[in-house]
Amino acid sequence: MIRHILLIQFKADATPQQIEELKQSFLCMPNLIEGVEHVEWGLNDSPEGKNKNYTHCVVMTFTDEAGRKHYLPHSKHDDLKDIFRPILEDIIVFDFTV
């Protein structure tokens, strides 16, 4: 399994509706793309104050390297990026093998 972690900063003018649309698009990925096993979406609630303005997180689980390779160039991933890019201020992407 591969975990694909996104730490997200949204633009100041991103609306709650845009963020919710993005969330729902992420959550649909396991139903749309073979190899995407699971998606979790979360809002930072750490009391430590170390999030450096990253407010949201997405954790995707790929079945294996083949699943990740299938996801990255997939047209549904491109559709997701079309929703994401206009409201994205910054992102950290971190993958690791379980």
Protein backbone atom coordinates (compact mmCIF):
# COMPACT_ATOMS: atom_id res chain seq x y z
CA MET A 1 0.00 0.00 0.00
CA ILE A 2 1.03 3.58 -0.62
CA ARG A 3 -0.21 6.54 1.39
CA HIS A 4 -0.52 9.80 -0.53
CA ILE A 5 -0.80 12.76 1.86
CA LEU A 6 -1.77 16.28 0.80
CA LEU A 7 -1.47 19.22 3.21
CA ILE A 8 -3.47 22.09 1.80
CA GLN A 9 -3.59 25.88 2.09
CA PHE A 10 -6.56 27.41 0.34
CA LYS A 11 -6.64 30.91 -1.11
CA ALA A 12 -8.27 33.49 1.15
CA ASP A 13 -11.17 33.86 -1.29
CA ALA A 14 -11.93 30.14 -1.55
CA THR A 15 -15.57 29.69 -0.58
CA PRO A 16 -16.95 26.95 1.66
CA GLN A 17 -18.91 25.68 -1.35
CA GLN A 18 -15.77 25.35 -3.46
CA ILE A 19 -13.98 23.51 -0.66
CA GLU A 20 -16.95 21.17 -0.18
CA GLU A 21 -17.05 20.45 -3.93
CA LEU A 22 -13.37 19.56 -3.80
CA LYS A 23 -13.89 17.36 -0.75
CA GLN A 24 -16.69 15.43 -2.43
CA SER A 25 -14.58 15.02 -5.57
CA PHE A 26 -11.75 13.53 -3.54
CA LEU A 27 -14.08 11.22 -1.64
CA CYS A 28 -15.43 9.83 -4.94
CA MET A 29 -12.01 8.77 -6.23
CA PRO A 30 -12.14 5.16 -4.94
CA ASN A 31 -15.34 4.65 -6.95
CA LEU A 32 -13.88 6.19 -10.09
CA ILE A 33 -10.27 5.05 -10.30
CA GLU A 34 -9.03 1.50 -9.90
CA GLY A 35 -6.16 1.33 -7.44
CA VAL A 36 -7.44 4.11 -5.18
CA GLU A 37 -8.46 2.10 -2.16
CA HIS A 38 -9.50 4.79 0.34
CA VAL A 39 -9.66 8.57 0.80
CA GLU A 40 -9.88 10.54 4.03
CA TRP A 41 -10.44 14.30 4.31
CA GLY A 42 -9.71 16.28 7.45
CA LEU A 43 -9.57 19.77 8.86
CA ASN A 44 -6.64 20.65 11.12
CA ASP A 45 -7.66 20.68 14.76
CA SER A 46 -4.25 20.38 16.41
CA PRO A 47 -3.83 22.60 19.46
CA GLU A 48 -0.07 22.83 18.84
CA GLY A 49 -0.22 25.61 16.25
CA LYS A 50 2.45 24.02 14.05
CA ASN A 51 0.39 23.67 10.86
CA LYS A 52 2.00 26.70 9.13
CA ASN A 53 -1.35 27.81 7.62
CA TYR A 54 -2.11 24.39 6.14
CA THR A 55 -5.73 23.91 7.12
CA HIS A 56 -6.86 20.73 5.37
CA CYS A 57 -5.46 17.27 4.73
CA VAL A 58 -6.28 14.51 2.28
CA VAL A 59 -4.94 11.01 2.83
CA MET A 60 -5.32 8.64 -0.09
CA THR A 61 -4.42 4.98 0.02
CA PHE A 62 -3.31 3.29 -3.18
CA THR A 63 -3.34 -0.48 -3.36
CA ASP A 64 0.25 -0.48 -4.66
CA GLU A 65 2.63 1.31 -7.01
CA ALA A 66 0.52 0.26 -9.99
CA GLY A 67 -2.49 1.96 -8.36
CA ARG A 68 -0.57 5.21 -7.93
CA LYS A 69 0.72 5.04 -11.51
CA HIS A 70 -2.85 4.50 -12.70
CA TYR A 71 -4.19 7.45 -10.67
CA LEU A 72 -1.65 10.16 -11.51
CA PRO A 73 -2.33 10.45 -15.28
CA HIS A 74 -6.03 9.48 -15.03
CA SER A 75 -8.59 11.86 -16.57
CA LYS A 76 -10.62 11.89 -13.31
CA HIS A 77 -7.49 13.06 -11.49
CA ASP A 78 -7.20 15.82 -14.09
CA ASP A 79 -10.85 16.76 -13.43
CA LEU A 80 -10.03 16.94 -9.72
CA LYS A 81 -7.07 19.25 -10.40
CA ASP A 82 -9.37 21.54 -12.43
CA ILE A 83 -11.49 22.04 -9.30
CA PHE A 84 -8.47 22.29 -7.02
CA ARG A 85 -6.11 24.70 -8.79
CA PRO A 86 -8.29 27.85 -8.75
CA ILE A 87 -8.66 27.73 -4.96
CA LEU A 88 -5.23 26.36 -4.00
CA GLU A 89 -2.71 28.64 -2.33
CA ASP A 90 -0.10 25.98 -1.52
CA ILE A 91 0.24 22.25 -1.09
CA ILE A 92 2.64 19.70 0.34
CA VAL A 93 2.51 16.23 -1.19
CA PHE A 94 4.12 13.36 0.70
CA ASP A 95 3.92 9.70 -0.25
CA PHE A 96 5.19 6.68 1.63
CA THR A 97 4.94 2.93 1.27
CA VAL A 98 3.23 1.05 4.08
